[in-house]
PDB file of all heavy atoms in Angstrom:
ATOM      1  N   GLU A   1     -37.694  72.305-112.437  1.00  0.00           N
ATOM      2  CA  GLU A   1     -38.221  72.701-113.738  1.00  0.00           C
ATOM      3  C   GLU A   1     -38.107  71.550-114.754  1.00  0.00           C
ATOM      4  O   GLU A   1     -37.026  70.947-114.882  1.00  0.00           O
ATOM      5  CB  GLU A   1     -37.461  73.907-114.257  1.00  0.00           C
ATOM      6  CG  GLU A   1     -37.764  74.292-115.700  1.00  0.00           C
ATOM      7  CD  GLU A   1     -36.753  75.288-116.258  1.00  0.00           C
ATOM      8  OE1 GLU A   1     -35.574  75.279-115.809  1.00  0.00           O
ATOM      9  OE2 GLU A   1     -37.111  76.047-117.168  1.00  0.00           O
ATOM     10  N   GLY A   2     -39.202  71.259-115.455  1.00  0.00           N
ATOM     11  CA  GLY A   2     -39.143  70.238-116.482  1.00  0.00           C
ATOM     12  C   GLY A   2     -38.319  70.716-117.673  1.00  0.00           C
ATOM     13  O   GLY A   2     -38.515  71.817-118.154  1.00  0.00           O
ATOM     14  N   VAL A   3     -37.396  69.860-118.123  1.00  0.00           N
ATOM     15  CA  VAL A   3     -36.525  70.208-119.247  1.00  0.00           C
ATOM     16  C   VAL A   3     -36.967  69.472-120.502  1.00  0.00           C
ATOM     17  O   VAL A   3     -37.124  70.027-121.570  1.00  0.00           O
ATOM     18  CB  VAL A   3     -35.065  69.856-118.930  1.00  0.00           C
ATOM     19  CG1 VAL A   3     -34.180  70.107-120.143  1.00  0.00           C
ATOM     20  CG2 VAL A   3     -34.581  70.676-117.741  1.00  0.00           C
ATOM     21  N   ALA A   4     -37.192  68.154-120.381  1.00  0.00           N
ATOM     22  CA  ALA A   4     -37.580  67.351-121.523  1.00  0.00           C
ATOM     23  C   ALA A   4     -38.269  66.079-121.058  1.00  0.00           C
ATOM     24  O   ALA A   4     -37.974  65.565-119.996  1.00  0.00           O
ATOM     25  CB  ALA A   4     -36.346  66.988-122.390  1.00  0.00           C
ATOM     26  N   LEU A   5     -39.188  65.601-121.887  1.00  0.00           N
ATOM     27  CA  LEU A   5     -39.965  64.405-121.558  1.00  0.00           C
ATOM     28  C   LEU A   5     -40.009  63.496-122.776  1.00  0.00           C
ATOM     29  O   LEU A   5     -40.094  63.949-123.918  1.00  0.00           O
ATOM     30  CB  LEU A   5     -41.401  64.777-121.219  1.00  0.00           C
ATOM     31  CG  LEU A   5     -42.382  63.612-121.090  1.00  0.00           C
ATOM     32  CD1 LEU A   5     -42.279  63.008-119.685  1.00  0.00           C
ATOM     33  CD2 LEU A   5     -43.796  64.004-121.405  1.00  0.00           C
ATOM     34  N   ARG A   6     -39.900  62.196-122.516  1.00  0.00           N
ATOM     35  CA  ARG A   6     -40.056  61.202-123.564  1.00  0.00           C
ATOM     36  C   ARG A   6     -41.225  60.297-123.147  1.00  0.00           C
ATOM     37  O   ARG A   6     -41.168  59.694-122.087  1.00  0.00           O
ATOM     38  CB  ARG A   6     -38.776  60.416-123.739  1.00  0.00           C
ATOM     39  CG  ARG A   6     -38.741  59.561-124.999  1.00  0.00           C
ATOM     40  CD  ARG A   6     -37.311  59.116-125.262  1.00  0.00           C
ATOM     41  NE  ARG A   6     -37.240  58.093-126.285  1.00  0.00           N
ATOM     42  CZ  ARG A   6     -37.158  58.345-127.581  1.00  0.00           C
ATOM     43  NH1 ARG A   6     -37.155  59.564-128.018  1.00  0.00           N
ATOM     44  NH2 ARG A   6     -37.063  57.352-128.452  1.00  0.00           N
ATOM     45  N   LEU A   7     -42.229  60.210-123.979  1.00  0.00           N
ATOM     46  CA  LEU A   7     -43.456  59.508-123.661  1.00  0.00           C
ATOM     47  C   LEU A   7     -43.584  58.304-124.586  1.00  0.00           C
ATOM     48  O   LEU A   7     -43.893  58.463-125.757  1.00  0.00           O
ATOM     49  CB  LEU A   7     -44.672  60.428-123.819  1.00  0.00           C
ATOM     50  CG  LEU A   7     -46.028  59.850-123.468  1.00  0.00           C
ATOM     51  CD1 LEU A   7     -46.074  59.492-121.990  1.00  0.00           C
ATOM     52  CD2 LEU A   7     -47.108  60.878-123.785  1.00  0.00           C
ATOM     53  N   PRO A   8     -43.322  57.101-124.085  1.00  0.00           N
ATOM     54  CA  PRO A   8     -43.416  55.919-124.926  1.00  0.00           C
ATOM     55  C   PRO A   8     -44.827  55.674-125.456  1.00  0.00           C
ATOM     56  O   PRO A   8     -45.810  55.977-124.805  1.00  0.00           O
ATOM     57  CB  PRO A   8     -42.965  54.779-124.009  1.00  0.00           C
ATOM     58  CG  PRO A   8     -42.221  55.445-122.937  1.00  0.00           C
ATOM     59  CD  PRO A   8     -42.872  56.770-122.746  1.00  0.00           C
ATOM     60  N   GLY A   9     -44.876  55.096-126.652  1.00  0.00           N
ATOM     61  CA  GLY A   9     -46.152  54.723-127.222  1.00  0.00           C
ATOM     62  C   GLY A   9     -45.931  54.265-128.641  1.00  0.00           C
ATOM     63  O   GLY A   9     -45.568  55.095-129.487  1.00  0.00           O
ATOM     64  N   GLY A  10     -46.089  53.000-128.922  1.00  0.00           N
ATOM     65  CA  GLY A  10     -45.830  52.496-130.265  1.00  0.00           C
ATOM     66  C   GLY A  10     -44.353  52.345-130.505  1.00  0.00           C
ATOM     67  O   GLY A  10     -43.564  52.066-129.596  1.00  0.00           O
ATOM     68  N   GLU A  11     -43.934  52.519-131.726  1.00  0.00           N
ATOM     69  CA  GLU A  11     -42.538  52.389-132.090  1.00  0.00           C
ATOM     70  C   GLU A  11     -41.718  53.549-131.537  1.00  0.00           C
ATOM     71  O   GLU A  11     -42.203  54.684-131.474  1.00  0.00           O
ATOM     72  CB  GLU A  11     -42.374  52.350-133.621  1.00  0.00           C
ATOM     73  CG  GLU A  11     -43.012  51.121-134.260  1.00  0.00           C
ATOM     74  CD  GLU A  11     -42.325  49.842-133.820  1.00  0.00           C
ATOM     75  OE1 GLU A  11     -41.091  49.856-133.676  1.00  0.00           O
ATOM     76  OE2 GLU A  11     -43.048  48.827-133.627  1.00  0.00           O
ATOM     77  N   PRO A  12     -40.459  53.291-131.135  1.00  0.00           N
ATOM     78  CA  PRO A  12     -39.627  54.342-130.570  1.00  0.00           C
ATOM     79  C   PRO A  12     -39.535  55.575-131.466  1.00  0.00           C
ATOM     80  O   PRO A  12     -39.459  56.700-130.958  1.00  0.00           O
ATOM     81  CB  PRO A  12     -38.278  53.676-130.423  1.00  0.00           C
ATOM     82  CG  PRO A  12     -38.601  52.233-130.194  1.00  0.00           C
ATOM     83  CD  PRO A  12     -39.803  51.964-131.086  1.00  0.00           C
ATOM     84  N   ALA A  13     -39.566  55.366-132.759  1.00  0.00           N
ATOM     85  CA  ALA A  13     -39.456  56.508-133.664  1.00  0.00           C
ATOM     86  C   ALA A  13     -40.642  57.466-133.548  1.00  0.00           C
ATOM     87  O   ALA A  13     -40.602  58.616-133.969  1.00  0.00           O
ATOM     88  CB  ALA A  13     -39.316  56.052-135.090  1.00  0.00           C
ATOM     89  N   TYR A  14     -41.741  56.960-132.943  1.00  0.00           N
ATOM     90  CA  TYR A  14     -42.958  57.766-132.845  1.00  0.00           C
ATOM     91  C   TYR A  14     -43.265  58.162-131.415  1.00  0.00           C
ATOM     92  O   TYR A  14     -44.371  58.658-131.145  1.00  0.00           O
ATOM     93  CB  TYR A  14     -44.126  56.984-133.438  1.00  0.00           C
ATOM     94  CG  TYR A  14     -43.943  56.675-134.917  1.00  0.00           C
ATOM     95  CD1 TYR A  14     -43.545  55.421-135.333  1.00  0.00           C
ATOM     96  CD2 TYR A  14     -44.140  57.673-135.879  1.00  0.00           C
ATOM     97  CE1 TYR A  14     -43.356  55.143-136.665  1.00  0.00           C
ATOM     98  CE2 TYR A  14     -43.950  57.408-137.212  1.00  0.00           C
ATOM     99  CZ  TYR A  14     -43.560  56.138-137.614  1.00  0.00           C
ATOM    100  OH  TYR A  14     -43.382  55.885-138.953  1.00  0.00           O
ATOM    101  N   TYR A  15     -42.319  58.004-130.516  1.00  0.00           N
ATOM    102  CA  TYR A  15     -42.548  58.467-129.171  1.00  0.00           C
ATOM    103  C   TYR A  15     -42.770  59.961-129.161  1.00  0.00           C
ATOM    104  O   TYR A  15     -42.168  60.700-129.914  1.00  0.00           O
ATOM    105  CB  TYR A  15     -41.349  58.152-128.278  1.00  0.00           C
ATOM    106  CG  TYR A  15     -41.185  56.693-127.903  1.00  0.00           C
ATOM    107  CD1 TYR A  15     -42.050  55.719-128.413  1.00  0.00           C
ATOM    108  CD2 TYR A  15     -40.177  56.279-127.076  1.00  0.00           C
ATOM    109  CE1 TYR A  15     -41.883  54.387-128.055  1.00  0.00           C
ATOM    110  CE2 TYR A  15     -39.986  54.938-126.731  1.00  0.00           C
ATOM    111  CZ  TYR A  15     -40.874  53.994-127.237  1.00  0.00           C
ATOM    112  OH  TYR A  15     -40.705  52.687-126.896  1.00  0.00           O
ATOM    113  N   THR A  16     -43.623  60.408-128.270  1.00  0.00           N
ATOM    114  CA  THR A  16     -43.888  61.835-128.091  1.00  0.00           C
ATOM    115  C   THR A  16     -42.833  62.443-127.194  1.00  0.00           C
ATOM    116  O   THR A  16     -42.456  61.863-126.192  1.00  0.00           O
ATOM    117  CB  THR A  16     -45.289  62.045-127.471  1.00  0.00           C
ATOM    118  OG1 THR A  16     -46.260  61.513-128.342  1.00  0.00           O
ATOM    119  CG2 THR A  16     -45.551  63.535-127.255  1.00  0.00           C
ATOM    120  N   MET A  17     -42.389  63.650-127.570  1.00  0.00           N
ATOM    121  CA  MET A  17     -41.399  64.347-126.745  1.00  0.00           C
ATOM    122  C   MET A  17     -41.849  65.774-126.501  1.00  0.00           C
ATOM    123  O   MET A  17     -42.499  66.389-127.336  1.00  0.00           O
ATOM    124  CB  MET A  17     -40.024  64.314-127.420  1.00  0.00           C
ATOM    125  CG  MET A  17     -39.375  62.937-127.358  1.00  0.00           C
ATOM    126  SD  MET A  17     -37.903  62.789-128.389  1.00  0.00           S
ATOM    127  CE  MET A  17     -38.673  62.604-129.977  1.00  0.00           C
ATOM    128  N   HIS A  18     -41.537  66.251-125.328  1.00  0.00           N
ATOM    129  CA  HIS A  18     -41.816  67.634-124.966  1.00  0.00           C
ATOM    130  C   HIS A  18     -40.518  68.264-124.480  1.00  0.00           C
ATOM    131  O   HIS A  18     -39.678  67.608-123.851  1.00  0.00           O
ATOM    132  CB  HIS A  18     -42.852  67.708-123.821  1.00  0.00           C
ATOM    133  CG  HIS A  18     -44.227  67.242-124.224  1.00  0.00           C
ATOM    134  ND1 HIS A  18     -45.099  68.038-124.920  1.00  0.00           N
ATOM    135  CD2 HIS A  18     -44.840  66.063-124.026  1.00  0.00           C
ATOM    136  CE1 HIS A  18     -46.209  67.377-125.110  1.00  0.00           C
ATOM    137  NE2 HIS A  18     -46.092  66.168-124.577  1.00  0.00           N
ATOM    138  N   TYR A  19     -40.360  69.560-124.767  1.00  0.00           N
ATOM    139  CA  TYR A  19     -39.220  70.304-124.301  1.00  0.00           C
ATOM    140  C   TYR A  19     -39.653  71.622-123.716  1.00  0.00           C
ATOM    141  O   TYR A  19     -40.620  72.247-124.186  1.00  0.00           O
ATOM    142  CB  TYR A  19     -38.264  70.583-125.453  1.00  0.00           C
ATOM    143  CG  TYR A  19     -37.579  69.361-126.039  1.00  0.00           C
ATOM    144  CD1 TYR A  19     -38.136  68.715-127.142  1.00  0.00           C
ATOM    145  CD2 TYR A  19     -36.412  68.864-125.496  1.00  0.00           C
ATOM    146  CE1 TYR A  19     -37.526  67.595-127.689  1.00  0.00           C
ATOM    147  CE2 TYR A  19     -35.795  67.741-126.036  1.00  0.00           C
ATOM    148  CZ  TYR A  19     -36.360  67.101-127.121  1.00  0.00           C
ATOM    149  OH  TYR A  19     -35.746  66.001-127.652  1.00  0.00           O
ATOM    150  N   ALA A  20     -38.928  72.059-122.692  1.00  0.00           N
ATOM    151  CA  ALA A  20     -39.134  73.422-122.223  1.00  0.00           C
ATOM    152  C   ALA A  20     -38.773  74.393-123.326  1.00  0.00           C
ATOM    153  O   ALA A  20     -37.847  74.146-124.107  1.00  0.00           O
ATOM    154  CB  ALA A  20     -38.264  73.665-120.975  1.00  0.00           C
ATOM    155  N   ASP A  21     -39.494  75.497-123.416  1.00  0.00           N
ATOM    156  CA  ASP A  21     -39.221  76.482-124.466  1.00  0.00           C
ATOM    157  C   ASP A  21     -37.780  76.949-124.454  1.00  0.00           C
ATOM    158  O   ASP A  21     -37.191  77.197-125.509  1.00  0.00           O
ATOM    159  CB  ASP A  21     -40.154  77.687-124.306  1.00  0.00           C
ATOM    160  CG  ASP A  21     -41.584  77.350-124.676  1.00  0.00           C
ATOM    161  OD1 ASP A  21     -41.825  76.333-125.373  1.00  0.00           O
ATOM    162  OD2 ASP A  21     -42.476  78.129-124.277  1.00  0.00           O
ATOM    163  N   SER A  22     -37.202  77.023-123.269  1.00  0.00           N
ATOM    164  CA  SER A  22     -35.829  77.578-123.143  1.00  0.00           C
ATOM    165  C   SER A  22     -34.772  76.643-123.717  1.00  0.00           C
ATOM    166  O   SER A  22     -33.636  77.076-123.922  1.00  0.00           O
ATOM    167  CB  SER A  22     -35.544  77.862-121.663  1.00  0.00           C
ATOM    168  OG  SER A  22     -35.642  76.666-120.903  1.00  0.00           O
ATOM    169  N   VAL A  23     -35.101  75.363-123.965  1.00  0.00           N
ATOM    170  CA  VAL A  23     -34.098  74.443-124.457  1.00  0.00           C
ATOM    171  C   VAL A  23     -34.409  73.898-125.843  1.00  0.00           C
ATOM    172  O   VAL A  23     -33.590  73.149-126.394  1.00  0.00           O
ATOM    173  CB  VAL A  23     -33.896  73.272-123.474  1.00  0.00           C
ATOM    174  CG1 VAL A  23     -33.623  73.777-122.071  1.00  0.00           C
ATOM    175  CG2 VAL A  23     -35.068  72.313-123.497  1.00  0.00           C
ATOM    176  N   LYS A  24     -35.543  74.255-126.400  1.00  0.00           N
ATOM    177  CA  LYS A  24     -35.910  73.752-127.723  1.00  0.00           C
ATOM    178  C   LYS A  24     -34.826  74.123-128.752  1.00  0.00           C
ATOM    179  O   LYS A  24     -34.367  75.257-128.793  1.00  0.00           O
ATOM    180  CB  LYS A  24     -37.256  74.328-128.151  1.00  0.00           C
ATOM    181  CG  LYS A  24     -38.449  73.674-127.476  1.00  0.00           C
ATOM    182  CD  LYS A  24     -39.754  74.259-127.939  1.00  0.00           C
ATOM    183  CE  LYS A  24     -40.937  73.605-127.233  1.00  0.00           C
ATOM    184  NZ  LYS A  24     -42.222  74.248-127.593  1.00  0.00           N
ATOM    185  N   GLY A  25     -34.481  73.148-129.572  1.00  0.00           N
ATOM    186  CA  GLY A  25     -33.474  73.360-130.579  1.00  0.00           C
ATOM    187  C   GLY A  25     -32.038  73.194-130.084  1.00  0.00           C
ATOM    188  O   GLY A  25     -31.119  73.167-130.871  1.00  0.00           O
ATOM    189  N   ARG A  26     -31.884  73.059-128.748  1.00  0.00           N
ATOM    190  CA  ARG A  26     -30.543  72.892-128.215  1.00  0.00           C
ATOM    191  C   ARG A  26     -30.353  71.562-127.481  1.00  0.00           C
ATOM    192  O   ARG A  26     -29.264  71.017-127.444  1.00  0.00           O
ATOM    193  CB  ARG A  26     -30.241  74.039-127.230  1.00  0.00           C
ATOM    194  CG  ARG A  26     -30.286  75.392-127.829  1.00  0.00           C
ATOM    195  CD  ARG A  26     -29.791  76.489-126.865  1.00  0.00           C
ATOM    196  NE  ARG A  26     -30.618  76.574-125.661  1.00  0.00           N
ATOM    197  CZ  ARG A  26     -30.164  76.370-124.432  1.00  0.00           C
ATOM    198  NH1 ARG A  26     -28.897  76.036-124.208  1.00  0.00           N
ATOM    199  NH2 ARG A  26     -30.985  76.474-123.387  1.00  0.00           N
ATOM    200  N   PHE A  27     -31.419  71.051-126.883  1.00  0.00           N
ATOM    201  CA  PHE A  27     -31.354  69.786-126.132  1.00  0.00           C
ATOM    202  C   PHE A  27     -32.138  68.711-126.868  1.00  0.00           C
ATOM    203  O   PHE A  27     -33.154  68.997-127.500  1.00  0.00           O
ATOM    204  CB  PHE A  27     -31.984  69.973-124.738  1.00  0.00           C
ATOM    205  CG  PHE A  27     -31.212  70.823-123.790  1.00  0.00           C
ATOM    206  CD1 PHE A  27     -30.150  71.628-124.201  1.00  0.00           C
ATOM    207  CD2 PHE A  27     -31.530  70.859-122.447  1.00  0.00           C
ATOM    208  CE1 PHE A  27     -29.427  72.431-123.308  1.00  0.00           C
ATOM    209  CE2 PHE A  27     -30.840  71.627-121.538  1.00  0.00           C
ATOM    210  CZ  PHE A  27     -29.809  72.420-121.990  1.00  0.00           C
ATOM    211  N   ILE A  28     -31.653  67.495-126.756  1.00  0.00           N
ATOM    212  CA  ILE A  28     -32.364  66.359-127.325  1.00  0.00           C
ATOM    213  C   ILE A  28     -32.444  65.237-126.286  1.00  0.00           C
ATOM    214  O   ILE A  28     -31.417  64.826-125.745  1.00  0.00           O
ATOM    215  CB  ILE A  28     -31.665  65.819-128.593  1.00  0.00           C
ATOM    216  CG1 ILE A  28     -31.669  66.900-129.700  1.00  0.00           C
ATOM    217  CG2 ILE A  28     -32.373  64.551-129.090  1.00  0.00           C
ATOM    218  CD1 ILE A  28     -30.918  66.487-130.942  1.00  0.00           C
ATOM    219  N   ILE A  29     -33.634  64.734-126.047  1.00  0.00           N
ATOM    220  CA  ILE A  29     -33.835  63.609-125.168  1.00  0.00           C
ATOM    221  C   ILE A  29     -33.942  62.353-126.024  1.00  0.00           C
ATOM    222  O   ILE A  29     -34.626  62.330-127.035  1.00  0.00           O
ATOM    223  CB  ILE A  29     -35.085  63.786-124.275  1.00  0.00           C
ATOM    224  CG1 ILE A  29     -35.194  62.668-123.247  1.00  0.00           C
ATOM    225  CG2 ILE A  29     -36.365  63.913-125.110  1.00  0.00           C
ATOM    226  CD1 ILE A  29     -36.271  62.875-122.207  1.00  0.00           C
ATOM    227  N   SER A  30     -33.203  61.320-125.620  1.00  0.00           N
ATOM    228  CA  SER A  30     -33.212  60.076-126.377  1.00  0.00           C
ATOM    229  C   SER A  30     -33.014  58.925-125.435  1.00  0.00           C
ATOM    230  O   SER A  30     -32.863  59.125-124.213  1.00  0.00           O
ATOM    231  CB  SER A  30     -32.098  60.122-127.445  1.00  0.00           C
ATOM    232  OG  SER A  30     -30.819  60.176-126.832  1.00  0.00           O
ATOM    233  N   GLU A  31     -32.993  57.722-125.975  1.00  0.00           N
ATOM    234  CA  GLU A  31     -32.823  56.545-125.104  1.00  0.00           C
ATOM    235  C   GLU A  31     -32.240  55.396-125.891  1.00  0.00           C
ATOM    236  O   GLU A  31     -32.295  55.345-127.127  1.00  0.00           O
ATOM    237  CB  GLU A  31     -34.137  56.159-124.479  1.00  0.00           C
ATOM    238  CG  GLU A  31     -35.203  55.746-125.478  1.00  0.00           C
ATOM    239  CD  GLU A  31     -36.576  55.623-124.847  1.00  0.00           C
ATOM    240  OE1 GLU A  31     -36.764  56.077-123.714  1.00  0.00           O
ATOM    241  OE2 GLU A  31     -37.466  55.054-125.491  1.00  0.00           O
ATOM    242  N   ASP A  32     -31.641  54.494-125.129  1.00  0.00           N
ATOM    243  CA  ASP A  32     -31.156  53.248-125.700  1.00  0.00           C
ATOM    244  C   ASP A  32     -31.896  52.139-124.944  1.00  0.00           C
ATOM    245  O   ASP A  32     -31.593  51.834-123.774  1.00  0.00           O
ATOM    246  CB  ASP A  32     -29.648  53.115-125.461  1.00  0.00           C
ATOM    247  CG  ASP A  32     -29.055  51.867-126.094  1.00  0.00           C
ATOM    248  OD1 ASP A  32     -29.802  50.875-126.235  1.00  0.00           O
ATOM    249  OD2 ASP A  32     -27.850  51.871-126.381  1.00  0.00           O
ATOM    250  N   ASN A  33     -32.901  51.557-125.584  1.00  0.00           N
ATOM    251  CA  ASN A  33     -33.738  50.549-124.915  1.00  0.00           C
ATOM    252  C   ASN A  33     -32.940  49.317-124.499  1.00  0.00           C
ATOM    253  O   ASN A  33     -33.265  48.681-123.506  1.00  0.00           O
ATOM    254  CB  ASN A  33     -34.908  50.171-125.828  1.00  0.00           C
ATOM    255  CG  ASN A  33     -35.920  51.287-125.971  1.00  0.00           C
ATOM    256  OD1 ASN A  33     -36.057  52.095-125.084  1.00  0.00           O
ATOM    257  ND2 ASN A  33     -36.609  51.336-127.092  1.00  0.00           N
ATOM    258  N   ALA A  34     -31.947  48.967-125.267  1.00  0.00           N
ATOM    259  CA  ALA A  34     -31.162  47.805-124.952  1.00  0.00           C
ATOM    260  C   ALA A  34     -30.380  47.986-123.639  1.00  0.00           C
ATOM    261  O   ALA A  34     -30.044  47.006-122.965  1.00  0.00           O
ATOM    262  CB  ALA A  34     -30.190  47.488-126.101  1.00  0.00           C
ATOM    263  N   LYS A  35     -30.121  49.216-123.290  1.00  0.00           N
ATOM    264  CA  LYS A  35     -29.371  49.532-122.060  1.00  0.00           C
ATOM    265  C   LYS A  35     -30.229  50.135-120.980  1.00  0.00           C
ATOM    266  O   LYS A  35     -29.709  50.526-119.916  1.00  0.00           O
ATOM    267  CB  LYS A  35     -28.215  50.475-122.397  1.00  0.00           C
ATOM    268  CG  LYS A  35     -27.184  49.929-123.351  1.00  0.00           C
ATOM    269  CD  LYS A  35     -26.113  50.948-123.636  1.00  0.00           C
ATOM    270  CE  LYS A  35     -25.060  50.417-124.598  1.00  0.00           C
ATOM    271  NZ  LYS A  35     -23.983  51.405-124.882  1.00  0.00           N
ATOM    272  N   ASN A  36     -31.538  50.245-121.218  1.00  0.00           N
ATOM    273  CA  ASN A  36     -32.441  50.886-120.252  1.00  0.00           C
ATOM    274  C   ASN A  36     -31.876  52.248-119.824  1.00  0.00           C
ATOM    275  O   ASN A  36     -31.886  52.610-118.653  1.00  0.00           O
ATOM    276  CB  ASN A  36     -32.632  50.036-119.010  1.00  0.00           C
ATOM    277  CG  ASN A  36     -33.303  48.710-119.313  1.00  0.00           C
ATOM    278  OD1 ASN A  36     -33.963  48.573-120.329  1.00  0.00           O
ATOM    279  ND2 ASN A  36     -33.159  47.786-118.409  1.00  0.00           N
ATOM    280  N   THR A  37     -31.394  52.984-120.797  1.00  0.00           N
ATOM    281  CA  THR A  37     -30.713  54.234-120.481  1.00  0.00           C
ATOM    282  C   THR A  37     -31.363  55.403-121.227  1.00  0.00           C
ATOM    283  O   THR A  37     -31.616  55.324-122.418  1.00  0.00           O
ATOM    284  CB  THR A  37     -29.233  54.158-120.847  1.00  0.00           C
ATOM    285  OG1 THR A  37     -28.633  53.107-120.095  1.00  0.00           O
ATOM    286  CG2 THR A  37     -28.511  55.463-120.511  1.00  0.00           C
ATOM    287  N   LEU A  38     -31.576  56.453-120.485  1.00  0.00           N
ATOM    288  CA  LEU A  38     -32.150  57.706-121.013  1.00  0.00           C
ATOM    289  C   LEU A  38     -30.999  58.718-121.133  1.00  0.00           C
ATOM    290  O   LEU A  38     -30.114  58.764-120.269  1.00  0.00           O
ATOM    291  CB  LEU A  38     -33.206  58.224-120.032  1.00  0.00           C
ATOM    292  CG  LEU A  38     -33.954  59.503-120.403  1.00  0.00           C
ATOM    293  CD1 LEU A  38     -34.900  59.217-121.559  1.00  0.00           C
ATOM    294  CD2 LEU A  38     -34.700  60.031-119.201  1.00  0.00           C
ATOM    295  N   TYR A  39     -31.034  59.531-122.173  1.00  0.00           N
ATOM    296  CA  TYR A  39     -29.964  60.523-122.368  1.00  0.00           C
ATOM    297  C   TYR A  39     -30.569  61.906-122.533  1.00  0.00           C
ATOM    298  O   TYR A  39     -31.724  62.087-122.891  1.00  0.00           O
ATOM    299  CB  TYR A  39     -29.178  60.199-123.662  1.00  0.00           C
ATOM    300  CG  TYR A  39     -28.511  58.850-123.646  1.00  0.00           C
ATOM    301  CD1 TYR A  39     -29.055  57.780-124.355  1.00  0.00           C
ATOM    302  CD2 TYR A  39     -27.324  58.651-122.951  1.00  0.00           C
ATOM    303  CE1 TYR A  39     -28.444  56.541-124.369  1.00  0.00           C
ATOM    304  CE2 TYR A  39     -26.702  57.403-122.953  1.00  0.00           C
ATOM    305  CZ  TYR A  39     -27.276  56.348-123.654  1.00  0.00           C
ATOM    306  OH  TYR A  39     -26.674  55.124-123.649  1.00  0.00           O
ATOM    307  N   LEU A  40     -29.749  62.903-122.249  1.00  0.00           N
ATOM    308  CA  LEU A  40     -30.079  64.282-122.569  1.00  0.00           C
ATOM    309  C   LEU A  40     -28.833  64.905-123.202  1.00  0.00           C
ATOM    310  O   LEU A  40     -27.850  65.161-122.500  1.00  0.00           O
ATOM    311  CB  LEU A  40     -30.491  65.065-121.348  1.00  0.00           C
ATOM    312  CG  LEU A  40     -30.963  66.504-121.616  1.00  0.00           C
ATOM    313  CD1 LEU A  40     -32.263  66.482-122.400  1.00  0.00           C
ATOM    314  CD2 LEU A  40     -31.110  67.319-120.332  1.00  0.00           C
ATOM    315  N   GLN A  41     -28.873  65.112-124.499  1.00  0.00           N
ATOM    316  CA  GLN A  41     -27.768  65.762-125.209  1.00  0.00           C
ATOM    317  C   GLN A  41     -28.021  67.265-125.157  1.00  0.00           C
ATOM    318  O   GLN A  41     -29.064  67.729-125.628  1.00  0.00           O
ATOM    319  CB  GLN A  41     -27.694  65.279-126.652  1.00  0.00           C
ATOM    320  CG  GLN A  41     -26.627  65.986-127.469  1.00  0.00           C
ATOM    321  CD  GLN A  41     -25.215  65.609-127.024  1.00  0.00           C
ATOM    322  OE1 GLN A  41     -24.845  64.445-127.003  1.00  0.00           O
ATOM    323  NE2 GLN A  41     -24.428  66.615-126.633  1.00  0.00           N
ATOM    324  N   MET A  42     -27.088  67.960-124.584  1.00  0.00           N
ATOM    325  CA  MET A  42     -27.229  69.424-124.404  1.00  0.00           C
ATOM    326  C   MET A  42     -26.159  70.126-125.210  1.00  0.00           C
ATOM    327  O   MET A  42     -24.969  69.849-125.052  1.00  0.00           O
ATOM    328  CB  MET A  42     -27.101  69.779-122.934  1.00  0.00           C
ATOM    329  CG  MET A  42     -28.062  69.025-122.011  1.00  0.00           C
ATOM    330  SD  MET A  42     -27.988  69.551-120.302  1.00  0.00           S
ATOM    331  CE  MET A  42     -26.361  69.081-119.869  1.00  0.00           C
ATOM    332  N   THR A  43     -26.562  71.011-126.099  1.00  0.00           N
ATOM    333  CA  THR A  43     -25.633  71.773-126.900  1.00  0.00           C
ATOM    334  C   THR A  43     -25.899  73.257-126.756  1.00  0.00           C
ATOM    335  O   THR A  43     -26.936  73.657-126.215  1.00  0.00           O
ATOM    336  CB  THR A  43     -25.735  71.373-128.379  1.00  0.00           C
ATOM    337  OG1 THR A  43     -27.050  71.630-128.848  1.00  0.00           O
ATOM    338  CG2 THR A  43     -25.391  69.905-128.587  1.00  0.00           C
TER     339      THR A  43
END
């Protein structure tokens, strides 16, 4: 099941993100470009 997507395009602040309805408002997908690392903060 897809949980979250980060779609690059332009500046990082304007990347498109998608979330499954079940996690909206609780999960955040982010990244650190300097470390080539993707994160998923789950609360």
